């Protein structure tokens, strides 16, 4: 569940990225709290602790776990036989220890001359989180995205205006980490026109020079960010409202690649048209969560957002036409049903056939933005930008969001005799495809179009996502064995949309997961 590596630094305090612990056999430390083991340690293994005044310090052979009112708690692991295993401890409901591995046979001496078994120094991503074990179940893994992302504002702090000509972030608007590339114009006759929503917020003025109401039309994400900004404007300047001078454009008055044609961009001023406010207005737009803000003109600021699919609103993982491999041969992913066995990878990196338990997302009729990743051996996998691909690494594989895969990275591809063959990435490009499908296998992995991928997205840790989705796998497996036909949500033969469990899980994860763990 938690990956570890050896480090050579001095032992820091608890819940830094590295921690240092010891196993001891001293008798005067009283037994501590519940110890959970996976797999179980020997029955002789226990956890001990001691607490003392705040001006004291934990020894280097202890883990400084948490600070109580006027007290400090130090934790030790004790093993009568110096055995090995994974352990985690809880104190009165508060998670205080990360996971660590105890190697057998390693000895050193304490200040008192007692014999100690040294705990391996580990790198624990879980320890970065404030509620380590809780996050394993609540903070991760909504397939390809039941959430619209998050707002950057994290609390009261001093903000500075943008200067004329500045944009935030300081990259091109069409980069994947900004608002992303255009997907094509939306006209009133386009099927995607129904995805544009009108904004009738009374706290926003719309200029609407055309008299058609076009400036009120925008994507749902753009509407949400605009409404958030309207509140910020009224708080910043009482009596002043936000003013939209340009929204969705159907008259070809912008450059060819403009996001105005897709309802993803707006040009803004304040209702009093005070140009001295526009720098701060741009900063407020950044804080409101717009994906790209440009103080473009002395007369207005320009703001834009990502596509709905790239931030995971109902997006799937793989498009129709993607090929998976069953025991009877290759099949279109759109034809796969729960109970089918498809080619995947086990934890030890071997190819196996794994049962499809449910679908985290499925909608055959929607059109979304995907990214194509092409390897030098000709393998091309097409998936959503926020989906996790499993790339070759020195110790097996590493995960990366599809949007973050770069030329030179190495895909794990299906070779002869069902053996993985590394192949270097030579190209990536955005495309638009129909249908979204996110099967969840028992293994948590799947081979699509001859390339290895995770079943998860939006959370950068495959192991964390796999642990968080364990209840859904158990529920789906139990329901299937009992003839109930799945776990509800997006897994039934005719069901569409994101699975309810994945949607709820990521909603909780937005509040407890560090921003560094989420796709943006």
Protein backbone atom coordinates (compact mmCIF):
# COMPACT_ATOMS: atom_id res chain seq x y z
CA UNK A 1 0.00 0.00 0.00
CA UNK A 2 2.80 2.38 0.90
CA UNK A 3 5.99 2.41 -1.12
CA UNK A 4 9.26 2.90 0.72
CA UNK A 5 12.83 3.55 -0.21
CA UNK A 6 16.03 3.89 1.78
CA UNK A 7 17.23 7.37 2.52
CA UNK A 8 20.48 8.61 3.99
CA UNK A 9 19.35 11.63 5.96
CA UNK A 10 19.33 12.08 9.73
CA UNK A 11 16.09 11.09 11.48
CA UNK A 12 13.59 13.98 11.33
CA UNK A 13 10.42 14.44 13.35
CA UNK A 14 7.20 12.57 12.70
CA UNK A 15 5.18 13.36 9.57
CA UNK A 16 7.96 14.81 7.54
CA UNK A 17 8.51 12.92 4.29
CA UNK A 18 10.99 10.64 6.05
CA UNK A 19 10.69 9.28 9.54
CA UNK A 20 12.88 7.19 11.80
CA UNK A 21 11.76 4.61 14.31
CA UNK A 22 13.19 1.84 16.46
CA UNK A 23 12.16 -1.54 17.78
CA UNK A 24 13.16 -2.14 21.40
CA UNK A 25 12.75 -4.65 24.17
CA UNK A 26 12.95 -2.38 27.23
CA UNK A 27 10.59 -3.48 29.99
CA UNK A 28 9.71 -0.17 31.67
CA UNK A 29 7.59 1.18 28.81
CA UNK A 30 3.97 0.26 29.31
CA UNK A 31 1.95 -1.29 26.43
CA UNK A 32 0.41 1.22 24.05
CA UNK A 33 -2.71 1.26 21.92
CA UNK A 34 -4.10 -0.97 19.22
CA UNK A 35 -1.61 -2.01 16.57
CA UNK A 36 -2.91 -2.96 13.13
CA UNK A 37 -0.82 -5.27 10.98
CA UNK A 38 -1.03 -6.14 7.28
CA UNK A 39 0.23 -8.79 7.02
CA UNK A 40 0.12 -9.67 10.76
CA UNK A 41 3.26 -9.43 12.82
CA UNK A 42 4.23 -12.15 15.29
CA UNK A 43 2.00 -12.17 18.34
CA UNK A 44 4.93 -11.09 20.53
CA UNK A 45 5.18 -7.75 18.71
CA UNK A 46 3.63 -4.79 20.51
CA UNK A 47 3.65 -1.01 20.39
CA UNK A 48 4.81 1.08 23.34
CA UNK A 49 4.75 4.75 24.15
CA UNK A 50 5.77 7.25 26.81
CA UNK A 51 4.74 10.86 27.37
CA UNK A 52 6.40 13.70 29.25
CA UNK A 53 6.56 17.48 29.56
CA UNK A 54 6.63 19.60 26.45
CA UNK A 55 10.14 20.91 27.10
CA UNK A 56 11.52 17.39 26.79
CA UNK A 57 12.42 15.79 23.49
CA UNK A 58 12.01 12.34 22.02
CA UNK A 59 15.18 10.34 21.68
CA UNK A 60 16.50 9.49 18.26
CA UNK A 61 15.32 5.95 18.81
CA UNK A 62 11.72 7.07 19.08
CA UNK A 63 9.15 8.64 16.79
CA UNK A 64 7.76 11.98 17.92
CA UNK A 65 4.14 11.30 17.12
CA UNK A 66 1.82 14.09 18.19
CA UNK A 67 1.58 17.05 20.55
CA UNK A 68 -1.09 17.00 23.25
CA UNK A 69 -1.92 19.94 25.61
CA UNK A 70 1.32 20.37 27.55
CA UNK A 71 2.55 16.91 26.62
CA UNK A 72 4.52 15.11 23.93
CA UNK A 73 3.96 11.47 23.03
CA UNK A 74 6.83 9.32 21.80
CA UNK A 75 6.23 5.96 20.17
CA UNK A 76 8.37 2.86 19.89
CA UNK A 77 7.82 -0.49 18.26
CA UNK A 78 8.85 -3.47 20.38
CA UNK A 79 9.58 -6.92 19.06
CA UNK A 80 10.69 -9.82 21.25
CA UNK A 81 12.23 -11.51 18.24
CA UNK A 82 13.25 -8.54 16.08
CA UNK A 83 10.95 -9.76 13.33
CA UNK A 84 9.71 -7.81 10.34
CA UNK A 85 6.36 -6.57 9.10
CA UNK A 86 4.14 -3.60 8.42
CA UNK A 87 2.52 -1.79 11.33
CA UNK A 88 0.47 1.31 12.06
CA UNK A 89 -0.79 2.66 15.38
CA UNK A 90 -3.68 4.83 16.52
CA UNK A 91 -4.04 6.81 19.75
CA UNK A 92 -7.63 7.53 20.89
CA UNK A 93 -8.82 7.88 17.31
CA UNK A 94 -5.98 10.17 16.22
CA UNK A 95 -3.64 8.69 13.66
CA UNK A 96 -0.10 9.24 14.86
CA UNK A 97 2.17 6.84 12.98
CA UNK A 98 2.91 6.25 9.35
CA UNK A 99 3.69 2.81 7.98
CA UNK A 100 7.18 1.40 8.28
CA UNK A 101 8.97 -1.88 7.67
CA UNK A 102 10.99 -3.54 10.43
CA UNK A 103 13.90 -5.53 8.97
CA UNK A 104 15.06 -8.52 10.99
CA UNK A 105 18.64 -8.84 12.17
CA UNK A 106 19.59 -5.15 12.16
CA UNK A 107 21.14 -4.15 15.50
CA UNK A 108 22.42 -0.97 17.16
CA UNK A 109 22.83 0.31 20.76
CA UNK A 110 20.80 2.77 22.79
CA UNK A 111 22.17 5.26 25.35
CA UNK A 112 21.35 2.77 28.13
CA UNK A 113 23.31 -0.01 26.48
CA UNK A 114 20.25 -2.04 25.55
CA UNK A 115 20.02 -3.89 22.28
CA UNK A 116 17.79 -2.35 19.62
CA UNK A 117 16.47 -3.46 16.26
CA UNK A 118 16.57 -0.54 13.86
CA UNK A 119 13.55 0.32 11.79
CA UNK A 120 14.29 1.02 8.17
CA UNK A 121 14.02 4.69 7.33
CA UNK A 122 11.17 4.97 4.90
CA UNK A 123 9.60 7.36 2.49
CA UNK A 124 5.89 7.47 3.27
CA UNK A 125 3.60 9.55 1.05
CA UNK A 126 0.80 8.76 3.48
CA UNK A 127 2.68 10.60 6.23
CA UNK A 128 2.28 13.85 4.29
CA UNK A 129 -1.42 13.68 4.98
CA UNK A 130 -2.94 14.95 8.17
CA UNK A 131 -5.22 11.95 8.59
CA UNK A 132 -3.05 9.19 7.24
CA UNK A 133 -5.17 6.06 7.46
CA UNK A 134 -8.47 7.88 7.00
CA UNK A 135 -7.25 9.09 3.63
CA UNK A 136 -6.67 5.56 2.49
CA UNK A 137 -10.44 5.13 2.47
CA UNK A 138 -11.88 8.59 2.02
CA UNK A 139 -9.40 10.66 0.08
CA UNK A 140 -8.84 9.16 -3.31
CA UNK A 141 -9.70 7.51 -6.55
CA UNK A 142 -12.76 8.65 -8.29
CA UNK A 143 -12.25 7.08 -11.65
CA UNK A 144 -12.07 9.73 -14.29
CA UNK A 145 -13.59 12.48 -12.44
CA UNK A 146 -16.83 13.20 -10.69
CA UNK A 147 -15.62 16.58 -9.54
CA UNK A 148 -15.03 19.97 -11.09
CA UNK A 149 -11.79 20.57 -9.25
CA UNK A 150 -11.14 23.13 -6.58
CA UNK A 151 -10.70 26.80 -5.96
CA UNK A 152 -7.18 28.01 -5.28
CA UNK A 153 -8.11 30.22 -2.39
CA UNK A 154 -7.08 28.53 0.85
CA UNK A 155 -7.91 31.18 3.42
CA UNK A 156 -7.47 34.84 4.20
CA UNK A 157 -4.17 36.25 2.99
CA UNK A 158 -2.89 39.34 1.34
CA UNK A 159 -3.31 39.31 -2.43
CA UNK A 160 -1.57 41.50 -4.97
CA UNK A 161 -3.05 42.77 -8.26
CA UNK A 162 -1.85 41.50 -11.61
CA UNK A 163 0.02 44.06 -13.67
CA UNK A 164 -0.92 44.96 -17.23
CA UNK A 165 0.17 42.22 -19.63
CA UNK A 166 0.54 39.58 -16.90
CA UNK A 167 -1.22 36.23 -17.03
CA UNK A 168 -1.63 33.54 -14.40
CA UNK A 169 -0.39 30.84 -14.72
CA UNK A 170 2.63 32.08 -16.62
CA UNK A 171 2.19 29.69 -19.54
CA UNK A 172 0.19 29.62 -22.74
CA UNK A 173 -3.59 29.52 -22.37
CA UNK A 174 -3.79 26.34 -24.45
CA UNK A 175 -1.35 24.30 -22.36
CA UNK A 176 -2.85 21.29 -20.57
CA UNK A 177 -1.93 22.75 -17.18
CA UNK A 178 -3.77 26.00 -18.02
CA UNK A 179 -7.15 26.02 -19.79
CA UNK A 180 -6.09 23.46 -22.36
CA UNK A 181 -6.37 23.28 -26.14
CA UNK A 182 -9.56 24.20 -28.01
CA UNK A 183 -11.91 21.37 -28.95
CA UNK A 184 -13.64 23.16 -31.81
CA UNK A 185 -16.30 25.81 -32.26
CA UNK A 186 -19.76 25.31 -30.86
CA UNK A 187 -22.61 26.57 -33.03
CA UNK A 188 -26.32 26.59 -32.28
CA UNK A 189 -26.70 23.53 -34.51
CA UNK A 190 -23.88 21.65 -32.79
CA UNK A 191 -24.68 18.71 -30.52
CA UNK A 192 -22.45 20.29 -27.87
CA UNK A 193 -24.59 23.45 -27.79
CA UNK A 194 -26.80 21.77 -25.19
CA UNK A 195 -23.78 21.71 -22.85
CA UNK A 196 -23.75 25.52 -22.68
CA UNK A 197 -25.83 26.95 -19.84
CA UNK A 198 -27.23 30.48 -19.44
CA UNK A 199 -26.13 32.62 -16.51
CA UNK A 200 -28.88 34.81 -15.03
CA UNK A 201 -27.01 35.84 -11.90
CA UNK A 202 -28.51 39.21 -10.83
CA UNK A 203 -25.16 40.23 -9.34
CA UNK A 204 -23.53 40.18 -12.80
CA UNK A 205 -24.12 42.71 -15.58
CA UNK A 206 -24.06 41.34 -19.15
CA UNK A 207 -23.44 43.86 -21.92
CA UNK A 208 -25.01 41.66 -24.66
CA UNK A 209 -24.28 43.94 -27.61
CA UNK A 210 -25.72 41.36 -30.00
CA UNK A 211 -29.08 41.30 -28.23
CA UNK A 212 -29.21 37.50 -28.55
CA UNK A 213 -28.22 36.57 -25.00
CA UNK A 214 -25.07 34.90 -26.34
CA UNK A 215 -22.88 36.53 -23.70
CA UNK A 216 -24.87 34.70 -21.01
CA UNK A 217 -24.05 31.28 -22.48
CA UNK A 218 -21.04 29.41 -21.12
CA UNK A 219 -19.91 26.02 -19.84
CA UNK A 220 -21.01 24.95 -16.38
CA UNK A 221 -17.46 25.28 -15.05
CA UNK A 222 -17.16 28.81 -16.41
CA UNK A 223 -20.50 29.71 -14.85
CA UNK A 224 -19.43 28.43 -11.44
CA UNK A 225 -16.16 30.37 -11.48
CA UNK A 226 -17.93 33.52 -12.70
CA UNK A 227 -20.50 33.35 -9.91
CA UNK A 228 -17.72 32.89 -7.36
CA UNK A 229 -15.90 35.91 -8.76
CA UNK A 230 -19.10 38.02 -8.59
CA UNK A 231 -19.24 37.46 -4.83
CA UNK A 232 -15.58 38.39 -4.45
CA UNK A 233 -16.11 41.61 -6.39
CA UNK A 234 -19.01 42.69 -4.16
CA UNK A 235 -16.95 41.91 -1.07
CA UNK A 236 -13.93 43.80 -2.38
CA UNK A 237 -15.84 46.88 -3.58
CA UNK A 238 -19.28 47.29 -1.96
CA UNK A 239 -21.82 48.58 -4.46
CA UNK A 240 -19.77 47.41 -7.47
CA UNK A 241 -20.82 44.42 -9.59
CA UNK A 242 -19.00 42.19 -12.05
CA UNK A 243 -19.61 43.03 -15.72
CA UNK A 244 -19.28 40.61 -18.67
CA UNK A 245 -18.57 42.28 -21.99
CA UNK A 246 -17.95 39.10 -23.99
CA UNK A 247 -18.88 35.46 -23.45
CA UNK A 248 -19.74 32.79 -26.00
CA UNK A 249 -19.12 34.09 -29.52
CA UNK A 250 -21.08 32.96 -32.56
CA UNK A 251 -20.06 35.81 -34.88
CA UNK A 252 -16.41 34.90 -35.58
CA UNK A 253 -15.06 38.08 -34.01
CA UNK A 254 -12.08 36.40 -32.33
CA UNK A 255 -8.97 34.53 -33.42
CA UNK A 256 -9.36 31.03 -34.83
CA UNK A 257 -8.29 29.21 -31.64
CA UNK A 258 -10.26 31.41 -29.22
CA UNK A 259 -12.03 29.66 -26.36
CA UNK A 260 -14.88 32.18 -26.67
CA UNK A 261 -16.24 29.94 -29.46
CA UNK A 262 -16.69 27.12 -26.92
CA UNK A 263 -18.17 29.16 -24.06
CA UNK A 264 -15.00 28.64 -22.03
CA UNK A 265 -13.83 32.27 -21.94
CA UNK A 266 -15.19 35.61 -20.74
CA UNK A 267 -13.93 39.20 -20.92
CA UNK A 268 -14.65 41.16 -17.75
CA UNK A 269 -14.73 44.63 -16.22
CA UNK A 270 -16.34 46.11 -13.14
CA UNK A 271 -19.74 47.79 -13.37
CA UNK A 272 -18.23 51.21 -12.61
CA UNK A 273 -15.63 50.69 -15.38
CA UNK A 274 -12.88 51.94 -13.11
CA UNK A 275 -9.71 50.76 -14.83
CA UNK A 276 -7.73 51.17 -11.63
CA UNK A 277 -9.59 48.12 -10.31
CA UNK A 278 -8.78 45.78 -13.19
CA UNK A 279 -5.47 44.52 -11.83
CA UNK A 280 -7.14 43.48 -8.59
CA UNK A 281 -10.10 42.09 -10.56
CA UNK A 282 -7.66 39.83 -12.40
CA UNK A 283 -6.19 38.63 -9.10
CA UNK A 284 -9.68 37.94 -7.73
CA UNK A 285 -10.39 35.90 -10.86
CA UNK A 286 -7.31 33.78 -10.18
CA UNK A 287 -8.48 33.27 -6.61
CA UNK A 288 -11.98 32.37 -7.82
CA UNK A 289 -10.53 29.40 -9.68
CA UNK A 290 -10.34 30.42 -13.34
CA UNK A 291 -7.74 28.24 -15.00
CA UNK A 292 -6.11 31.07 -16.95
CA UNK A 293 -6.38 34.83 -16.34
CA UNK A 294 -4.85 37.52 -18.57
CA UNK A 295 -4.75 41.25 -17.90
CA UNK A 296 -4.98 41.55 -21.65
CA UNK A 297 -6.17 45.11 -22.23
CA UNK A 298 -6.46 48.35 -20.34
CA UNK A 299 -10.19 47.99 -20.99
CA UNK A 300 -10.86 44.46 -19.67
CA UNK A 301 -9.40 41.22 -18.35
CA UNK A 302 -9.67 37.85 -20.07
CA UNK A 303 -10.48 34.62 -18.16
CA UNK A 304 -10.89 31.04 -19.35
CA UNK A 305 -11.45 27.55 -17.97
CA UNK A 306 -10.66 23.95 -18.79
CA UNK A 307 -13.11 21.72 -20.61
CA UNK A 308 -15.66 19.87 -18.55
CA UNK A 309 -14.03 16.53 -19.39
CA UNK A 310 -10.48 17.54 -18.47
CA UNK A 311 -11.54 18.32 -14.89
CA UNK A 312 -13.53 15.14 -14.63
CA UNK A 313 -17.17 16.14 -14.76
CA UNK A 314 -18.70 12.89 -15.94
CA UNK A 315 -15.63 12.04 -18.00
CA UNK A 316 -14.69 8.44 -18.69
CA UNK A 317 -11.32 6.86 -19.07
CA UNK A 318 -11.19 5.25 -22.50
CA UNK A 319 -13.18 6.02 -25.68
CA UNK A 320 -15.26 3.68 -27.78
CA UNK A 321 -13.03 1.68 -30.10
CA UNK A 322 -10.32 1.07 -27.51
CA UNK A 323 -9.35 -2.60 -27.50
CA UNK A 324 -9.07 -4.83 -24.44
CA UNK A 325 -8.11 -8.49 -24.38
CA UNK A 326 -10.33 -11.27 -23.06
CA UNK A 327 -9.63 -14.97 -22.84
CA UNK A 328 -11.50 -15.33 -26.15
CA UNK A 329 -9.57 -12.58 -27.92
CA UNK A 330 -9.60 -8.78 -28.38
CA UNK A 331 -12.84 -6.84 -27.90
CA UNK A 332 -14.02 -3.25 -28.09
CA UNK A 333 -14.14 -1.79 -24.59
CA UNK A 334 -17.69 -0.61 -25.33
CA UNK A 335 -18.85 -4.25 -25.46
CA UNK A 336 -17.32 -5.34 -22.16
CA UNK A 337 -19.74 -6.32 -19.37
CA UNK A 338 -19.32 -7.02 -15.68
CA UNK A 339 -18.07 -10.54 -15.12
CA UNK A 340 -15.85 -10.54 -18.22
CA UNK A 341 -12.18 -11.32 -17.64
CA UNK A 342 -9.73 -8.94 -19.31
CA UNK A 343 -5.97 -8.79 -19.51
CA UNK A 344 -4.40 -6.79 -16.67
CA UNK A 345 -1.28 -6.83 -14.49
CA UNK A 346 -0.81 -8.29 -11.03
CA UNK A 347 1.07 -6.58 -8.20
CA UNK A 348 4.25 -8.44 -9.13
CA UNK A 349 4.08 -7.19 -12.73
CA UNK A 350 2.82 -10.36 -14.41
CA UNK A 351 0.03 -10.37 -16.99
CA UNK A 352 -3.15 -11.95 -15.69
CA UNK A 353 -6.81 -12.08 -16.64
CA UNK A 354 -8.79 -10.08 -14.09
CA UNK A 355 -12.56 -9.93 -13.65
CA UNK A 356 -14.41 -6.70 -14.48
CA UNK A 357 -16.32 -5.98 -11.27
CA UNK A 358 -18.16 -2.81 -12.26
CA UNK A 359 -17.83 0.41 -14.27
CA UNK A 360 -16.68 3.53 -12.47
CA UNK A 361 -17.90 5.59 -15.42
CA UNK A 362 -19.74 4.72 -18.61
CA UNK A 363 -21.51 6.87 -21.19
CA UNK A 364 -21.51 5.68 -24.81
CA UNK A 365 -23.16 8.83 -26.17
CA UNK A 366 -20.96 11.63 -24.85
CA UNK A 367 -18.06 13.24 -26.72
CA UNK A 368 -15.00 14.16 -24.68
CA UNK A 369 -11.42 15.36 -24.98
CA UNK A 370 -8.80 12.61 -24.84
CA UNK A 371 -5.05 12.45 -25.09
CA UNK A 372 -3.26 10.01 -27.39
CA UNK A 373 0.09 8.69 -26.19
CA UNK A 374 2.15 6.97 -28.89
CA UNK A 375 5.19 4.76 -28.29
CA UNK A 376 8.03 4.04 -30.70
CA UNK A 377 6.83 0.47 -31.27
CA UNK A 378 3.56 1.82 -32.69
CA UNK A 379 1.37 1.29 -29.61
CA UNK A 380 -1.06 4.18 -29.04
CA UNK A 381 -3.28 4.44 -25.97
CA UNK A 382 -6.09 6.99 -25.87
CA UNK A 383 -7.41 8.11 -22.49
CA UNK A 384 -8.59 11.12 -20.52
CA UNK A 385 -5.85 13.57 -19.44
CA UNK A 386 -6.45 12.86 -15.74
CA UNK A 387 -6.17 9.09 -16.09
CA UNK A 388 -3.21 7.25 -14.55
CA UNK A 389 -0.87 5.43 -16.92
CA UNK A 390 1.67 2.97 -15.55
CA UNK A 391 5.15 3.69 -16.91
CA UNK A 392 8.32 1.63 -16.74
CA UNK A 393 10.62 2.33 -13.79
CA UNK A 394 13.77 0.76 -12.39
CA UNK A 395 11.83 -1.12 -9.70
CA UNK A 396 8.76 -2.05 -11.76
CA UNK A 397 6.38 0.74 -12.68
CA UNK A 398 5.49 4.28 -11.72
CA UNK A 399 2.23 6.13 -12.25
CA UNK A 400 1.70 9.40 -14.13
CA UNK A 401 -1.33 11.35 -15.28
CA UNK A 402 -1.76 10.96 -19.04
CA UNK A 403 -1.54 14.73 -19.46
CA UNK A 404 1.85 14.70 -17.72
CA UNK A 405 3.40 11.94 -19.83
CA UNK A 406 6.26 13.38 -21.88
CA UNK A 407 8.22 12.30 -24.91
CA UNK A 408 10.98 10.05 -23.59
CA UNK A 409 8.88 8.41 -20.89
CA UNK A 410 8.53 4.64 -21.25
CA UNK A 411 5.20 2.86 -21.67
CA UNK A 412 4.76 -0.75 -20.60
CA UNK A 413 3.34 -2.46 -23.68
CA UNK A 414 2.10 -5.97 -24.37
CA UNK A 415 4.73 -8.07 -26.09
CA UNK A 416 4.89 -11.61 -27.37
CA UNK A 417 4.06 -14.43 -24.96
CA UNK A 418 2.22 -11.97 -22.71
CA UNK A 419 5.40 -10.31 -21.49
CA UNK A 420 5.64 -6.55 -20.94
CA UNK A 421 7.92 -4.72 -23.34
CA UNK A 422 9.06 -1.17 -22.48
CA UNK A 423 8.68 1.30 -25.34
CA UNK A 424 9.65 4.97 -25.35
CA UNK A 425 6.97 7.63 -25.89
CA UNK A 426 7.51 9.52 -29.14
CA UNK A 427 4.38 11.69 -29.37
CA UNK A 428 1.31 12.93 -27.49
CA UNK A 429 -1.64 14.89 -28.83
CA UNK A 430 -5.15 15.93 -27.85
CA UNK A 431 -8.14 14.57 -29.70
CA UNK A 432 -11.92 14.39 -29.41
CA UNK A 433 -13.60 10.98 -29.31
CA UNK A 434 -17.03 9.55 -28.63
CA UNK A 435 -17.95 7.36 -25.67
CA UNK A 436 -16.36 7.05 -22.22
CA UNK A 437 -15.72 3.75 -20.43
CA UNK A 438 -13.94 3.09 -17.13
CA UNK A 439 -14.05 -0.60 -16.18
CA UNK A 440 -12.87 -1.52 -12.68
CA UNK A 441 -11.03 -4.82 -12.52
CA UNK A 442 -10.26 -6.84 -9.44
CA UNK A 443 -6.53 -6.19 -10.02
CA UNK A 444 -7.03 -2.43 -10.38
CA UNK A 445 -5.12 -2.41 -13.67
CA UNK A 446 -6.06 -3.00 -17.30
CA UNK A 447 -4.29 -3.36 -20.64
CA UNK A 448 -5.91 -1.16 -23.28
CA UNK A 449 -4.65 -0.95 -26.87
CA UNK A 450 -1.59 -2.98 -25.83
CA UNK A 451 -0.54 -0.50 -23.10
CA UNK A 452 -0.76 -0.90 -19.33
CA UNK A 453 -2.97 1.55 -17.42
CA UNK A 454 -4.44 1.94 -13.97
CA UNK A 455 -8.20 1.71 -13.51
CA UNK A 456 -8.06 5.01 -11.61
CA UNK A 457 -7.61 8.71 -12.26
CA UNK A 458 -7.52 12.16 -10.66
CA UNK A 459 -5.40 10.95 -7.70
CA UNK A 460 -1.70 10.59 -8.42
CA UNK A 461 -1.10 7.46 -6.33
CA UNK A 462 -2.28 4.17 -7.86
CA UNK A 463 -1.79 2.27 -4.59
CA UNK A 464 -3.72 4.86 -2.60
CA UNK A 465 -6.52 4.85 -5.14
CA UNK A 466 -6.64 1.05 -5.16
CA UNK A 467 -6.92 0.97 -1.36
CA UNK A 468 -9.65 3.62 -1.35
CA UNK A 469 -11.69 1.68 -3.90
CA UNK A 470 -11.45 -1.60 -1.96
CA UNK A 471 -14.98 -1.29 -0.49
CA UNK A 472 -16.40 -0.87 -3.99
CA UNK A 473 -14.53 -3.93 -5.23
CA UNK A 474 -15.77 -5.95 -2.25
CA UNK A 475 -19.33 -4.74 -2.75
CA UNK A 476 -19.27 -5.41 -6.48
CA UNK A 477 -17.74 -8.85 -5.97
CA UNK A 478 -20.30 -9.77 -3.32
CA UNK A 479 -23.21 -8.48 -5.40
CA UNK A 480 -22.01 -10.35 -8.46
CA UNK A 481 -21.58 -13.59 -6.52
CA UNK A 482 -25.07 -13.20 -5.11
CA UNK A 483 -26.64 -12.53 -8.46
CA UNK A 484 -27.45 -8.92 -7.64
CA UNK A 485 -25.84 -7.70 -10.83
CA UNK A 486 -23.35 -5.20 -9.48
CA UNK A 487 -22.95 -2.51 -6.91
CA UNK A 488 -25.18 0.14 -8.35
CA UNK A 489 -24.21 3.26 -10.24
CA UNK A 490 -22.43 2.98 -13.56
CA UNK A 491 -22.10 -0.79 -13.73
CA UNK A 492 -25.42 -2.08 -14.99
CA UNK A 493 -25.99 -3.04 -18.58
CA UNK A 494 -27.79 0.20 -19.37
CA UNK A 495 -26.47 2.48 -16.62
CA UNK A 496 -24.65 5.70 -17.49
CA UNK A 497 -22.54 8.19 -15.62
CA UNK A 498 -20.07 8.14 -12.76
CA UNK A 499 -20.53 5.49 -10.08
CA UNK A 500 -22.06 6.92 -6.90
CA UNK A 501 -19.23 5.55 -4.73
CA UNK A 502 -16.53 7.17 -6.83
CA UNK A 503 -18.41 10.47 -6.91
CA UNK A 504 -18.88 10.52 -3.13
CA UNK A 505 -15.31 9.43 -2.49
CA UNK A 506 -13.73 12.20 -4.51
CA UNK A 507 -16.06 14.80 -3.03
CA UNK A 508 -14.70 13.87 0.40
CA UNK A 509 -11.17 13.68 -0.97
CA UNK A 510 -11.30 17.31 -2.10
CA UNK A 511 -11.44 18.35 1.54
CA UNK A 512 -8.84 15.97 2.98
CA UNK A 513 -6.37 15.24 0.19
CA UNK A 514 -3.41 17.60 -0.24
CA UNK A 515 -3.53 19.53 -3.50
CA UNK A 516 -0.34 17.77 -4.60
CA UNK A 517 -2.27 14.48 -4.73
CA UNK A 518 -5.02 15.75 -7.03
CA UNK A 519 -5.02 16.23 -10.78
CA UNK A 520 -5.09 19.86 -11.86
